[in-house]
C-alpha cells in the first residue's frame, strides 16, 4: 500500500479512536461534569485521572495488541479464521491464573498476572514444538496443537477451581471473563512496552510476511527465510497476547474481527494491515469496555460478553463464505 493511500485510513481510524476514548472517559457509573473538573473538584479529578484515563489507555493498548496479534496469526497460517486464542496462548494464561488462585495466591498483588504470563509463554513454546516436523513448522499442526492444548488447559482449570475458595473463585471467574477493573498505569506500561517491542519486530519482517501470505514456496523462491520469519512472527504475536491476557483476562474475538474488517474496508497488504489493525482493535476494546460499564446501572459486565456478541456471528459468516 502506498504511503499516501495509507494516510486517509490512518486518520479515519485515529480520529474514531480519539473520539471513542473521550466518550469512554466522560461516561461511566459515576456522573461527572466539566465545570466540576475545571473547578478543581478532588472527586472528579480522582475519577478521571486515576480511574478512567488509565482504564481507557489500557483498553486501547490491549485492543491494539490483540488486533496486531490477530493479523499476524492469520497471515502466518494463511487463514482468515485464525485467532490468537485458538492457538492456546490464552488457555495457557488462564490455566496459570487458575492454578495460582487454587493455591490461594490470588490475594497477593501481581502474582496472578505473572503466573498467567508464564502460562502463556509455556503454551507458546509447547504449541511451536508440537508443530515442528523435520525442521518445518506446519500451520495445520499449529492449529491442532492449539486446540488440543486448550482442551487440556480447560480440564486443569476445572480441577483447580474445584479446590479454590469461594472468594478466590469469584475473582478468578471475573478475570477469565475479561475485565479492566482496577487498571493502573503500571498495567498500561507493561502492555504498552510489549506491544511496542512486538510491533517493531513485526514491522522489521513485514515485507517477508507479506510475501509469505502468497505461499511458502513462492516466498522461498524470493529469498525469504520462511522458518525464521514464522518463528519471529509467531513468538512476537504470542508473547504480546500473553501480556495482554495476563493483565485483562480473556477478551475474545478481537484478533478475529479486526483484521477481517480492515481487509473489507481497505487493502490486504500486511504492511498496511498492521497499523490499521492496531488502531481498529484499540477502538473496539475501548468501546466494548465502555458498554460493559454503562449498559447495566451499578453493575460491570464482562467485556468478553460484548465481543462475543459481535464475534460469533462474524465468525459464522466467515465460515460460511469459506465453504
Protein backbone atom coordinates (compact mmCIF):
# COMPACT_ATOMS: atom_id res chain seq x y z
CA UNK A 1 0.00 0.00 0.00
CA UNK A 2 1.46 3.39 -0.95
CA UNK A 3 2.22 5.78 1.91
CA UNK A 4 -0.20 8.42 0.65
CA UNK A 5 -3.03 5.88 0.36
CA UNK A 6 -2.41 4.74 3.96
CA UNK A 7 -2.77 8.27 5.36
CA UNK A 8 -6.55 8.50 4.93
CA UNK A 9 -7.48 5.26 6.75
CA UNK A 10 -4.95 6.08 9.50
CA UNK A 11 -6.55 9.48 10.01
CA UNK A 12 -10.07 8.00 9.98
CA UNK A 13 -9.30 5.23 12.47
CA UNK A 14 -7.16 7.52 14.61
CA UNK A 15 -9.98 10.06 14.78
CA UNK A 16 -12.54 7.40 15.71
CA UNK A 17 -10.20 6.13 18.44
CA UNK A 18 -9.73 9.62 19.92
CA UNK A 19 -13.47 10.29 19.95
CA UNK A 20 -14.15 6.87 21.48
CA UNK A 21 -11.56 7.49 24.20
CA UNK A 22 -13.05 10.88 25.07
CA UNK A 23 -16.54 9.40 25.32
CA UNK A 24 -15.26 6.50 27.45
CA UNK A 25 -13.55 8.93 29.83
CA UNK A 26 -16.63 11.16 30.08
CA UNK A 27 -19.20 8.45 30.80
CA UNK A 28 -19.39 5.78 33.48
CA UNK A 29 -21.28 4.66 36.56
CA UNK A 30 -20.41 7.91 38.33
CA UNK A 31 -21.61 11.10 36.65
CA UNK A 32 -19.12 13.93 36.22
CA UNK A 33 -19.31 17.40 34.76
CA UNK A 34 -16.77 19.60 33.03
CA UNK A 35 -17.42 22.59 35.33
CA UNK A 36 -16.54 20.50 38.38
CA UNK A 37 -13.37 19.29 36.66
CA UNK A 38 -12.24 22.79 35.76
CA UNK A 39 -13.17 23.98 39.24
CA UNK A 40 -10.65 21.52 40.64
CA UNK A 41 -13.11 19.18 42.36
CA UNK A 42 -10.99 16.46 44.01
CA UNK A 43 -13.51 13.65 43.50
CA UNK A 44 -13.94 14.41 39.80
CA UNK A 45 -10.19 14.58 39.23
CA UNK A 46 -9.73 11.25 41.01
CA UNK A 47 -12.42 9.55 38.92
CA UNK A 48 -11.00 10.85 35.64
CA UNK A 49 -7.24 10.71 36.11
CA UNK A 50 -6.84 7.77 38.47
CA UNK A 51 -9.65 5.52 37.29
CA UNK A 52 -10.95 6.25 33.82
CA UNK A 53 -7.91 7.54 31.94
CA UNK A 54 -5.67 4.57 32.89
CA UNK A 55 -8.52 2.20 32.10
CA UNK A 56 -9.14 3.71 28.67
CA UNK A 57 -5.42 3.70 27.89
CA UNK A 58 -5.16 0.05 28.96
CA UNK A 59 -8.18 -0.86 26.84
CA UNK A 60 -6.58 0.81 23.83
CA UNK A 61 -3.25 -0.95 24.43
CA UNK A 62 -4.91 -4.35 24.80
CA UNK A 63 -7.08 -3.83 21.73
CA UNK A 64 -4.08 -2.77 19.64
CA UNK A 65 -2.14 -5.78 20.90
CA UNK A 66 -4.87 -8.29 20.06
CA UNK A 67 -5.50 -6.69 16.67
CA UNK A 68 -1.83 -6.92 15.71
CA UNK A 69 -1.58 -10.49 17.01
CA UNK A 70 -4.67 -11.49 15.05
CA UNK A 71 -3.47 -10.17 11.70
CA UNK A 72 -0.07 -11.81 12.29
CA UNK A 73 -1.55 -15.25 13.03
CA UNK A 74 -3.92 -15.01 10.07
CA UNK A 75 -1.01 -14.14 7.78
CA UNK A 76 1.25 -16.88 9.15
CA UNK A 77 -1.44 -19.53 8.90
CA UNK A 78 -2.97 -18.07 5.71
CA UNK A 79 -6.36 -18.49 7.35
CA UNK A 80 -8.80 -15.59 7.97
CA UNK A 81 -10.44 -17.62 10.74
CA UNK A 82 -7.26 -17.81 12.84
CA UNK A 83 -7.35 -16.06 16.19
CA UNK A 84 -4.72 -15.59 18.95
CA UNK A 85 -6.84 -17.59 21.37
CA UNK A 86 -7.22 -20.61 19.10
CA UNK A 87 -3.52 -21.38 19.41
CA UNK A 88 -3.66 -21.98 23.17
CA UNK A 89 -1.97 -18.77 24.35
CA UNK A 90 -5.00 -17.55 26.30
CA UNK A 91 -5.67 -21.06 27.57
CA UNK A 92 -2.16 -21.26 29.00
CA UNK A 93 -2.57 -17.88 30.67
CA UNK A 94 -5.96 -18.83 32.11
CA UNK A 95 -4.55 -22.14 33.33
CA UNK A 96 -1.70 -20.39 35.13
CA UNK A 97 -4.11 -17.93 36.75
CA UNK A 98 -6.47 -20.72 37.85
CA UNK A 99 -3.66 -22.74 39.44
CA UNK A 100 -2.33 -19.67 41.25
CA UNK A 101 -5.83 -18.96 42.54
CA UNK A 102 -6.31 -22.55 43.72
CA UNK A 103 -3.14 -22.23 45.83
CA UNK A 104 -4.52 -19.09 47.48
CA UNK A 105 -2.17 -16.67 45.70
CA UNK A 106 -4.96 -14.52 44.26
CA UNK A 107 -4.73 -12.04 47.13
CA UNK A 108 -1.02 -11.39 46.57
CA UNK A 109 -0.63 -8.38 44.23
CA UNK A 110 0.92 -9.19 40.87
CA UNK A 111 1.13 -12.95 41.34
CA UNK A 112 -1.83 -13.96 39.16
CA UNK A 113 -0.74 -11.80 36.17
CA UNK A 114 2.84 -13.07 36.48
CA UNK A 115 1.79 -16.72 36.59
CA UNK A 116 -0.70 -16.13 33.77
CA UNK A 117 2.04 -14.66 31.60
CA UNK A 118 4.30 -17.62 32.40
CA UNK A 119 1.46 -19.94 31.38
CA UNK A 120 1.09 -18.09 28.09
CA UNK A 121 4.81 -18.42 27.39
CA UNK A 122 4.71 -22.13 28.23
CA UNK A 123 1.75 -22.67 25.93
CA UNK A 124 3.51 -20.77 23.13
CA UNK A 125 6.61 -22.93 23.44
CA UNK A 126 4.57 -26.15 23.62
CA UNK A 127 2.47 -25.33 20.55
CA UNK A 128 5.50 -24.39 18.49
CA UNK A 129 7.45 -27.52 19.46
CA UNK A 130 4.47 -29.78 18.75
CA UNK A 131 4.02 -28.19 15.32
CA UNK A 132 7.66 -28.72 14.32
CA UNK A 133 8.31 -31.62 11.95
CA UNK A 134 11.66 -32.18 10.26
CA UNK A 135 12.73 -28.55 10.79
CA UNK A 136 9.42 -27.37 9.33
CA UNK A 137 6.52 -25.69 11.14
CA UNK A 138 3.23 -26.98 9.78
CA UNK A 139 0.33 -24.46 10.02
CA UNK A 140 -2.23 -27.27 10.35
CA UNK A 141 -0.26 -28.84 13.19
CA UNK A 142 -0.12 -25.42 14.87
CA UNK A 143 -3.90 -25.17 14.87
CA UNK A 144 -4.41 -28.77 16.01
CA UNK A 145 -1.80 -28.41 18.75
CA UNK A 146 -3.51 -25.27 19.99
CA UNK A 147 -6.91 -26.94 20.06
CA UNK A 148 -5.61 -29.98 21.95
CA UNK A 149 -3.74 -27.85 24.49
CA UNK A 150 -6.82 -25.68 25.01
CA UNK A 151 -8.77 -28.82 25.91
CA UNK A 152 -6.03 -29.81 28.38
CA UNK A 153 -5.94 -26.35 29.92
CA UNK A 154 -9.73 -26.35 30.31
CA UNK A 155 -9.53 -29.60 32.27
CA UNK A 156 -6.80 -28.24 34.55
CA UNK A 157 -8.80 -25.06 35.12
CA UNK A 158 -11.86 -27.04 36.21
CA UNK A 159 -9.77 -29.13 38.60
CA UNK A 160 -8.09 -26.01 40.02
CA UNK A 161 -11.43 -24.28 40.55
CA UNK A 162 -12.74 -27.27 42.48
CA UNK A 163 -10.01 -26.65 45.08
CA UNK A 164 -10.29 -22.85 45.18
CA UNK A 165 -12.04 -20.94 47.95
CA UNK A 166 -15.31 -19.21 47.06
CA UNK A 167 -13.85 -15.70 47.36
CA UNK A 168 -10.88 -16.58 45.15
CA UNK A 169 -13.14 -18.42 42.72
CA UNK A 170 -15.31 -15.33 42.17
CA UNK A 171 -12.27 -13.17 41.44
CA UNK A 172 -10.81 -15.79 39.09
CA UNK A 173 -14.07 -16.16 37.15
CA UNK A 174 -14.29 -12.38 36.80
CA UNK A 175 -10.75 -12.28 35.41
CA UNK A 176 -11.39 -15.14 32.97
CA UNK A 177 -14.41 -13.34 31.52
CA UNK A 178 -12.30 -10.29 30.75
CA UNK A 179 -12.17 -7.17 32.89
CA UNK A 180 -10.23 -3.92 33.11
CA UNK A 181 -11.41 -3.20 36.64
CA UNK A 182 -8.61 -1.73 38.74
CA UNK A 183 -6.46 -0.78 35.73
CA UNK A 184 -3.27 1.06 36.69
CA UNK A 185 -0.56 2.95 34.87
CA UNK A 186 1.78 0.03 35.61
CA UNK A 187 -0.55 -2.22 33.61
CA UNK A 188 -0.55 0.30 30.76
CA UNK A 189 3.25 0.47 30.81
CA UNK A 190 3.55 -3.35 30.83
CA UNK A 191 1.21 -3.99 27.91
CA UNK A 192 2.43 -0.90 26.04
CA UNK A 193 6.08 -1.92 26.26
CA UNK A 194 5.37 -5.43 24.98
CA UNK A 195 3.22 -4.01 22.20
CA UNK A 196 5.93 -1.58 21.04
CA UNK A 197 8.58 -4.33 21.07
CA UNK A 198 6.36 -6.75 19.12
CA UNK A 199 5.28 -4.04 16.68
CA UNK A 200 8.92 -3.20 15.89
CA UNK A 201 9.73 -6.86 15.27
CA UNK A 202 6.71 -7.30 13.02
CA UNK A 203 7.50 -4.14 11.09
CA UNK A 204 11.03 -5.46 10.59
CA UNK A 205 9.73 -8.65 8.96
CA UNK A 206 6.58 -7.11 7.45
CA UNK A 207 7.73 -7.42 3.85
CA UNK A 208 8.66 -11.09 4.36
CA UNK A 209 5.29 -11.76 5.97
CA UNK A 210 3.59 -10.05 3.03
CA UNK A 211 5.29 -12.46 0.64
CA UNK A 212 4.60 -15.41 2.96
CA UNK A 213 0.88 -14.69 2.62
CA UNK A 214 1.08 -15.87 -1.02
CA UNK A 215 2.55 -19.24 -0.05
CA UNK A 216 5.71 -20.66 1.44
CA UNK A 217 7.16 -21.90 -1.84
CA UNK A 218 6.67 -18.53 -3.51
CA UNK A 219 8.27 -16.79 -0.53
CA UNK A 220 11.27 -19.14 -0.60
CA UNK A 221 11.75 -18.50 -4.32
CA UNK A 222 12.03 -14.80 -3.47
CA UNK A 223 14.77 -15.42 -0.91
CA UNK A 224 12.67 -15.37 2.27
CA UNK A 225 13.92 -17.47 5.19
CA UNK A 226 10.45 -18.88 5.84
CA UNK A 227 11.16 -20.71 9.10
CA UNK A 228 12.94 -17.72 10.63
CA UNK A 229 10.07 -15.40 9.70
CA UNK A 230 7.45 -17.83 11.01
CA UNK A 231 9.31 -18.23 14.30
CA UNK A 232 9.78 -14.48 14.78
CA UNK A 233 6.17 -13.68 13.88
CA UNK A 234 4.68 -16.47 15.97
CA UNK A 235 6.74 -15.63 19.07
CA UNK A 236 6.11 -11.87 18.80
CA UNK A 237 2.35 -12.30 18.42
CA UNK A 238 2.10 -14.98 21.13
CA UNK A 239 4.16 -13.16 23.74
CA UNK A 240 2.32 -9.89 23.30
CA UNK A 241 -1.01 -11.75 23.51
CA UNK A 242 0.16 -13.37 26.73
CA UNK A 243 0.97 -9.96 28.21
CA UNK A 244 -2.49 -8.64 27.33
CA UNK A 245 -4.28 -11.70 28.72
CA UNK A 246 -2.22 -11.61 31.92
CA UNK A 247 -3.46 -8.08 32.64
CA UNK A 248 -7.06 -8.11 31.40
CA UNK A 249 -8.10 -11.75 31.36
CA UNK A 250 -9.63 -13.33 28.29
CA UNK A 251 -11.18 -10.88 25.81
CA UNK A 252 -12.03 -12.99 22.80
CA UNK A 253 -12.67 -12.41 19.11
CA UNK A 254 -10.76 -9.09 18.80
CA UNK A 255 -7.96 -10.77 16.84
CA UNK A 256 -10.54 -12.42 14.58
CA UNK A 257 -12.87 -9.49 13.92
CA UNK A 258 -10.47 -6.58 13.48
CA UNK A 259 -8.15 -7.81 10.68
CA UNK A 260 -11.09 -9.03 8.61
CA UNK A 261 -12.97 -5.75 8.96
CA UNK A 262 -9.84 -3.83 7.95
CA UNK A 263 -9.42 -6.07 4.92
CA UNK A 264 -13.01 -5.41 3.90
CA UNK A 265 -12.60 -1.64 4.17
CA UNK A 266 -9.07 -1.26 2.83
CA UNK A 267 -6.22 -3.35 1.42
CA UNK A 268 -4.85 -6.80 2.21
CA UNK A 269 -1.16 -5.90 2.34
CA UNK A 270 0.29 -6.95 5.71
CA UNK A 271 2.33 -3.75 5.94
CA UNK A 272 -0.89 -1.73 5.91
CA UNK A 273 -2.94 -4.19 7.93
CA UNK A 274 -0.53 -4.00 10.87
CA UNK A 275 -1.04 -0.34 11.92
CA UNK A 276 -4.67 -0.26 10.82
CA UNK A 277 -5.49 -3.37 12.86
CA UNK A 278 -3.80 -1.80 15.89
CA UNK A 279 -5.99 1.31 15.66
CA UNK A 280 -9.19 -0.63 14.95
CA UNK A 281 -8.52 -3.10 17.76
CA UNK A 282 -7.86 -0.29 20.22
CA UNK A 283 -11.15 1.37 19.28
CA UNK A 284 -13.17 -1.82 19.56
CA UNK A 285 -11.92 -2.67 23.06
CA UNK A 286 -12.37 0.91 24.29
CA UNK A 287 -15.99 0.88 23.11
CA UNK A 288 -16.63 -2.64 24.44
CA UNK A 289 -15.30 -1.65 27.85
CA UNK A 290 -17.49 1.47 27.84
CA UNK A 291 -20.60 -0.59 27.08
CA UNK A 292 -19.69 -3.10 29.80
CA UNK A 293 -19.62 -0.26 32.34
CA UNK A 294 -22.80 1.61 31.44
CA UNK A 295 -25.27 -0.90 29.93
CA UNK A 296 -26.47 -2.05 33.38
CA UNK A 297 -26.53 0.61 36.12
CA UNK A 298 -24.28 -0.07 39.13
CA UNK A 299 -23.01 -3.30 37.54
CA UNK A 300 -19.97 -4.03 35.40
CA UNK A 301 -20.47 -6.80 32.87
CA UNK A 302 -17.61 -8.86 31.36
CA UNK A 303 -16.09 -7.33 28.23
CA UNK A 304 -15.90 -10.72 26.54
CA UNK A 305 -19.70 -10.91 26.56
CA UNK A 306 -19.91 -7.97 24.16
CA UNK A 307 -17.01 -9.02 21.97
CA UNK A 308 -18.60 -12.48 21.69
CA UNK A 309 -21.95 -10.97 20.66
CA UNK A 310 -20.13 -9.37 17.72
CA UNK A 311 -17.57 -12.11 17.14
CA UNK A 312 -19.70 -15.25 16.99
CA UNK A 313 -21.98 -14.08 14.12
CA UNK A 314 -18.94 -12.64 12.37
CA UNK A 315 -17.08 -15.96 12.69
CA UNK A 316 -20.08 -17.90 11.38
CA UNK A 317 -20.34 -15.50 8.43
CA UNK A 318 -16.67 -16.01 7.57
CA UNK A 319 -17.04 -19.77 7.98
CA UNK A 320 -19.97 -19.84 5.58
CA UNK A 321 -18.06 -17.83 2.97
CA UNK A 322 -15.08 -20.17 3.29
CA UNK A 323 -17.13 -23.21 2.33
